């Protein structure tokens, strides 16, 4: 994983990323990881859309479109039937137009609910809750219309029959609350598209989190970190000594990590820890058992964290012979970029060694200290000689 993000950014298109996502279309965890990676390297991923999504992930005007088969509860037969019908007869004009054209495709109420809650009809100007409210009536209307049209076929009076089937009238209602919509998206897609529960904490997350959950392999064993994230899962167990301890799952914009709360700490924090709430947690990183986890030490007040706690900025250079010139011009360009990012982080270079496939780690020295703000890290990543940048 060390070179993955930089490698994808340098070498692969939206088409490649769409194919990569398609390969993992039945693995929600992998999809979440790859969508995050795609966005991190500037590949926009659009939510599922009834008029643009194919069965698999696809590319529309350079942007990746979520595949219908990636929606939980939508099988391959239905996903392909939707894409094939649209290809043969054009875009869907409305929700009832979709129901009418797909009446014989085997769509059931559960599949329709999944499509609605995943936001597939948003581009038609439909509210998700409104569609759910009117779903039964719409299905009944379509069935009645099909029967009406069938009864007229072959009638001797077709030519002069001016009977018009009454149009369907949608009963309006307010949309779901923001959190409810996000919960549906997460459950069906494995990813938040219309927002994120942490959005109101985003600035604090940017300034305070010191562990990159998208790349826990960069973390140091037994080192203390701060995480601003949502508690997704929390369960208590009884130890052999008869004491309670707990396990949980924290998730932020970049990824997730398991947490461990030992008995003494749990006794202090139990009343404060509930799921679906954002916390600022200090703990010790542990990967000794293979799977990364954070041993919780204390809860911090996010408002009291004014600056980021990053201490090191790591820059991995591209390997020699990769097509990028290591000449005076590009070296000066990188130097000037570094000198322009005034801050307090120690700068550490990771330099690939061609002869053995390993790398040399070089501390730039105390006189060179850089900013680790998101915008500055993003700027460093644009430099020709830079393969990857991360913070520690």
Foldseek 3Di string as FASTA:
>chain_A
DVQPLLCCLVDHALAVLQVVLQVCLVPLQVNLLSQLSCVVSPAAEAFAALQPAAQGWDDDPRHIYHHPVSFPPDHPQNRNVSVVLCVVPNGQLAPLSSCLSCVPSPDDPVSVLSCLLSPHRVVNVDASVQCVVCVVVSNVLSVVVVVVVVVLPPDPCNVPDPDDRDDDDGDDDDHDDPVVSQVSNCVTNVDGDVDDLCVVVVVLQLFEWFQQQSCNVPDDAFDKTKGWFFWAFKDWDADPVRAIWMKTKTADSRHIAIETEDRVRCVVCVVPDDGPDIWIFMFTWHCPVPGIYTYTDDTDDSVVRDGYPWAAKEWEWDAPPPPFDPDPVLVVVLVVLQQVFDDRHWYWYWYADVVPRHTDIGTPDRVRHGDPRPVSLVVSSPRRGTSDMDTD
